[in-house]
Amino acid sequence: MKINIFAAFTFSLAFTLFGCAAKIPPDQYGNYAFIVSGVPDGAYTCNPREPISCAFIGHIDGQVKFPASPIVVVSPGFHDFGIAGAEGGYGFVALGGHRYIITRSRIYVSMRSDPTGTVIDELVKRDGQYVPIKGVIAEENARKQAAAEAFRIQQAADLPRIRKIGAEVCRRNETVGYVMHAYVEAVSDEKIKLHVNGGQGNDHEIWDFPDLWYLCGNN
């Protein structure tokens, strides 16, 4: 599904109030990155059709921009933008020919040459700067996969101890999001009998597969 939040931003960056952008012909768009503030100015509504209603970009790379403006044009590369009323800066690598709409929580990217403003990427904050969300998601998925594999290896190594009567074991209940705590009371060929600590007098016993549990507490 194509996101088109920029549709409201299809006003030209050559909006006469903001000078320099008006002087850049389309065949030179690739030489510049176009930065637009989408951050509300205090309690006021940031109307993308009237960029002057949005908070102004007042600092670029630590330097005061005078006069401040809700739209700026910069050369490609890493830049840090300070916006009035926004906490912290917005540092990211700006690519030539791209338009960046800065909001409070993320930055939306489209091609400056695309009049529809279709979003092609989103930047989110990571380690102090804004980076493509696709990379963040891929990194998080890789971390989860590595953690799951490490858990599987450790759990397999601990399986003989899990099958020991008296072992203290736990199991995360993903459905409700809490950890079940139990003690092994008996062992069969395939399953273990568990006394589950349900809390508030809700202790109960179940038979379950040992490879669904892991060692925890004192063993």
Protein backbone atom coordinates (compact mmCIF):
# COMPACT_ATOMS: atom_id res chain seq x y z
CA MET A 1 0.00 0.00 0.00
CA LYS A 2 1.43 3.36 -1.02
CA ILE A 3 1.46 6.02 1.61
CA ASN A 4 0.70 9.47 0.36
CA ILE A 5 0.88 11.71 3.41
CA PHE A 6 2.81 14.12 1.23
CA ALA A 7 -0.22 14.78 -0.92
CA ALA A 8 -0.88 17.79 1.26
CA PHE A 9 2.70 18.86 0.71
CA THR A 10 2.39 19.02 -3.04
CA PHE A 11 2.69 22.74 -2.83
CA SER A 12 5.89 23.57 -4.65
CA LEU A 13 9.00 24.05 -2.59
CA ALA A 14 9.37 27.01 -4.87
CA PHE A 15 6.72 28.72 -2.72
CA THR A 16 7.76 32.32 -3.18
CA LEU A 17 8.03 33.04 0.55
CA PHE A 18 10.97 30.71 0.84
CA GLY A 19 13.36 32.16 -1.69
CA CYS A 20 16.19 29.76 -2.47
CA ALA A 21 14.02 26.78 -3.39
CA ALA A 22 12.30 28.84 -6.03
CA LYS A 23 15.58 29.26 -7.86
CA ILE A 24 16.37 25.56 -8.25
CA PRO A 25 15.31 24.15 -11.63
CA PRO A 26 14.07 20.53 -11.73
CA ASP A 27 17.13 19.30 -13.62
CA GLN A 28 19.23 20.26 -10.58
CA TYR A 29 17.05 18.66 -7.90
CA GLY A 30 19.56 15.83 -7.56
CA ASN A 31 22.13 18.29 -6.26
CA TYR A 32 20.08 19.24 -3.22
CA ALA A 33 17.99 17.76 -0.41
CA PHE A 34 14.72 19.49 0.45
CA ILE A 35 13.85 19.65 4.14
CA VAL A 36 10.34 20.56 5.30
CA SER A 37 9.11 21.03 8.85
CA GLY A 38 5.99 19.08 9.70
CA VAL A 39 6.25 19.87 13.41
CA PRO A 40 3.37 21.86 14.92
CA ASP A 41 4.27 25.27 16.28
CA GLY A 42 3.19 24.88 19.90
CA ALA A 43 -0.55 24.47 20.20
CA TYR A 44 -1.12 25.59 16.62
CA THR A 45 -1.98 23.17 13.84
CA CYS A 46 0.74 22.52 11.30
CA ASN A 47 -1.09 22.91 8.00
CA PRO A 48 1.07 21.41 5.25
CA ARG A 49 -0.60 23.60 2.65
CA GLU A 50 0.58 26.62 4.60
CA PRO A 51 4.12 25.74 5.72
CA ILE A 52 4.46 29.03 7.52
CA SER A 53 2.04 27.58 10.11
CA CYS A 54 4.60 24.91 11.07
CA ALA A 55 7.50 25.35 13.49
CA PHE A 56 10.53 26.90 11.83
CA ILE A 57 13.88 25.24 11.27
CA GLY A 58 16.20 27.52 13.22
CA HIS A 59 19.47 25.57 13.38
CA ILE A 60 21.42 23.59 10.82
CA ASP A 61 24.50 21.65 11.91
CA GLY A 62 24.69 23.61 15.14
CA GLN A 63 24.60 26.97 13.41
CA VAL A 64 21.76 29.45 13.73
CA LYS A 65 19.81 29.79 10.51
CA PHE A 66 18.69 33.35 9.93
CA PRO A 67 16.05 33.93 8.99
CA ALA A 68 14.48 30.70 10.24
CA SER A 69 12.15 28.95 7.83
CA PRO A 70 9.89 25.89 7.69
CA ILE A 71 11.61 24.86 4.43
CA VAL A 72 15.34 24.65 3.79
CA VAL A 73 17.50 23.34 0.96
CA VAL A 74 20.85 21.72 1.75
CA SER A 75 23.59 19.87 -0.05
CA PRO A 76 23.48 16.06 0.24
CA GLY A 77 25.16 14.55 3.30
CA PHE A 78 24.67 14.29 7.04
CA HIS A 79 22.96 17.28 8.61
CA ASP A 80 21.41 18.03 11.98
CA PHE A 81 18.34 20.25 12.05
CA GLY A 82 16.95 22.07 15.06
CA ILE A 83 13.25 22.97 15.01
CA ALA A 84 11.64 25.47 17.34
CA GLY A 85 9.74 23.77 20.14
CA ALA A 86 10.99 20.26 19.31
CA GLU A 87 13.10 18.36 21.82
CA GLY A 88 16.53 17.44 20.51
CA GLY A 89 17.77 17.68 16.96
CA TYR A 90 17.00 15.75 13.80
CA GLY A 91 20.25 14.34 12.47
CA PHE A 92 20.20 12.19 9.34
CA VAL A 93 21.86 11.60 5.99
CA ALA A 94 19.97 13.64 3.40
CA LEU A 95 20.14 12.35 -0.15
CA GLY A 96 20.10 14.56 -3.21
CA GLY A 97 16.78 14.84 -5.00
CA HIS A 98 14.84 13.73 -1.92
CA ARG A 99 12.25 15.56 0.15
CA TYR A 100 12.21 15.04 3.93
CA ILE A 101 9.17 15.92 6.01
CA ILE A 102 10.23 16.13 9.66
CA THR A 103 7.58 15.28 12.25
CA ARG A 104 7.98 14.89 16.00
CA SER A 105 8.60 11.14 15.94
CA ARG A 106 9.85 10.29 12.46
CA ILE A 107 10.86 11.65 9.09
CA TYR A 108 9.00 10.81 5.89
CA VAL A 109 10.92 10.62 2.63
CA SER A 110 9.75 11.12 -0.95
CA MET A 111 11.35 12.11 -4.24
CA ARG A 112 11.32 15.85 -4.86
CA SER A 113 10.50 15.17 -8.51
CA ASP A 114 7.38 13.16 -7.57
CA PRO A 115 4.40 15.53 -7.57
CA THR A 116 2.28 12.99 -5.65
CA GLY A 117 4.75 12.90 -2.77
CA THR A 118 4.52 9.11 -2.36
CA VAL A 119 6.51 8.01 0.67
CA ILE A 120 9.44 5.78 -0.28
CA ASP A 121 11.05 5.54 3.15
CA GLU A 122 10.69 6.52 6.79
CA LEU A 123 13.45 7.47 9.19
CA VAL A 124 13.25 6.72 12.90
CA LYS A 125 15.56 7.66 15.75
CA ARG A 126 18.25 5.14 16.58
CA ASP A 127 21.34 5.83 18.69
CA GLY A 128 20.87 9.58 18.49
CA GLN A 129 20.19 9.97 14.77
CA TYR A 130 17.48 9.14 12.28
CA VAL A 131 17.99 6.11 10.07
CA PRO A 132 15.82 4.14 7.60
CA ILE A 133 13.16 2.14 9.41
CA LYS A 134 13.73 -0.85 7.13
CA GLY A 135 17.26 -1.21 8.49
CA VAL A 136 16.04 -0.89 12.08
CA ILE A 137 13.41 -3.59 11.53
CA ALA A 138 15.95 -5.89 9.87
CA GLU A 139 18.40 -5.33 12.73
CA GLU A 140 15.70 -6.03 15.33
CA ASN A 141 14.59 -9.19 13.53
CA ALA A 142 18.19 -10.40 13.34
CA ARG A 143 18.64 -9.72 17.06
CA LYS A 144 15.47 -11.66 17.90
CA GLN A 145 16.52 -14.58 15.71
CA ALA A 146 19.96 -14.68 17.31
CA ALA A 147 18.44 -14.56 20.80
CA ALA A 148 15.97 -17.31 19.92
CA GLU A 149 18.75 -19.52 18.55
CA ALA A 150 20.92 -18.92 21.62
CA PHE A 151 17.95 -19.80 23.83
CA ARG A 152 17.27 -22.98 21.85
CA ILE A 153 20.89 -24.11 22.18
CA GLN A 154 20.98 -23.38 25.92
CA GLN A 155 17.60 -25.01 26.50
CA ALA A 156 18.72 -28.16 24.66
CA ALA A 157 21.87 -28.32 26.81
CA ASP A 158 19.79 -27.91 29.98
CA LEU A 159 17.17 -30.51 29.02
CA PRO A 160 18.61 -33.30 31.24
CA ARG A 161 18.45 -30.96 34.23
CA ILE A 162 14.94 -29.82 33.31
CA ARG A 163 13.84 -33.47 33.48
CA LYS A 164 15.16 -33.77 37.02
CA ILE A 165 12.63 -33.96 39.86
CA GLY A 166 12.79 -30.80 41.94
CA ALA A 167 14.07 -28.63 39.08
CA GLU A 168 12.82 -25.05 39.11
CA VAL A 169 11.64 -24.12 35.63
CA CYS A 170 9.85 -21.31 33.81
CA ARG A 171 7.93 -20.84 30.60
CA ARG A 172 6.93 -17.58 28.95
CA ASN A 173 3.26 -17.46 28.09
CA GLU A 174 3.31 -15.37 24.90
CA THR A 175 -0.47 -15.19 24.80
CA VAL A 176 -0.85 -13.22 27.99
CA GLY A 177 2.71 -11.96 28.29
CA TYR A 178 3.88 -13.34 31.63
CA VAL A 179 6.28 -16.03 32.84
CA MET A 180 4.90 -19.26 34.34
CA HIS A 181 6.92 -20.60 37.26
CA ALA A 182 6.89 -24.26 38.32
CA TYR A 183 8.72 -27.17 39.97
CA VAL A 184 9.16 -30.59 38.41
CA GLU A 185 7.36 -33.26 40.45
CA ALA A 186 7.56 -36.31 38.20
CA VAL A 187 9.00 -37.44 34.88
CA SER A 188 7.63 -39.73 32.15
CA ASP A 189 9.16 -40.81 28.87
CA GLU A 190 7.92 -37.72 27.01
CA LYS A 191 6.59 -35.26 29.56
CA ILE A 192 7.24 -33.79 32.98
CA LYS A 193 4.72 -33.22 35.75
CA LEU A 194 4.81 -29.63 36.99
CA HIS A 195 3.50 -27.91 40.07
CA VAL A 196 2.73 -24.46 38.65
CA ASN A 197 2.79 -21.47 40.95
CA GLY A 198 -0.32 -19.61 39.84
CA GLY A 199 -0.26 -17.04 42.63
CA GLN A 200 -3.11 -16.07 44.97
CA GLY A 201 -3.96 -19.69 45.72
CA ASN A 202 -4.17 -20.70 42.07
CA ASP A 203 -1.41 -23.31 42.13
CA HIS A 204 -2.11 -26.29 39.91
CA GLU A 205 -0.44 -29.29 38.34
CA ILE A 206 0.03 -30.08 34.65
CA TRP A 207 1.90 -32.47 32.43
CA ASP A 208 3.86 -30.76 29.67
CA PHE A 209 6.73 -31.27 27.24
CA PRO A 210 10.09 -30.43 28.85
CA ASP A 211 11.44 -28.64 25.77
CA LEU A 212 8.81 -25.93 26.32
CA TRP A 213 10.41 -24.97 29.64
CA TYR A 214 13.77 -23.55 30.71
CA LEU A 215 15.78 -23.50 33.92
CA CYS A 216 15.24 -20.52 36.20
CA GLY A 217 15.58 -19.62 39.85
CA ASN A 218 17.77 -21.95 41.94
CA ASN A 219 19.01 -25.14 40.30
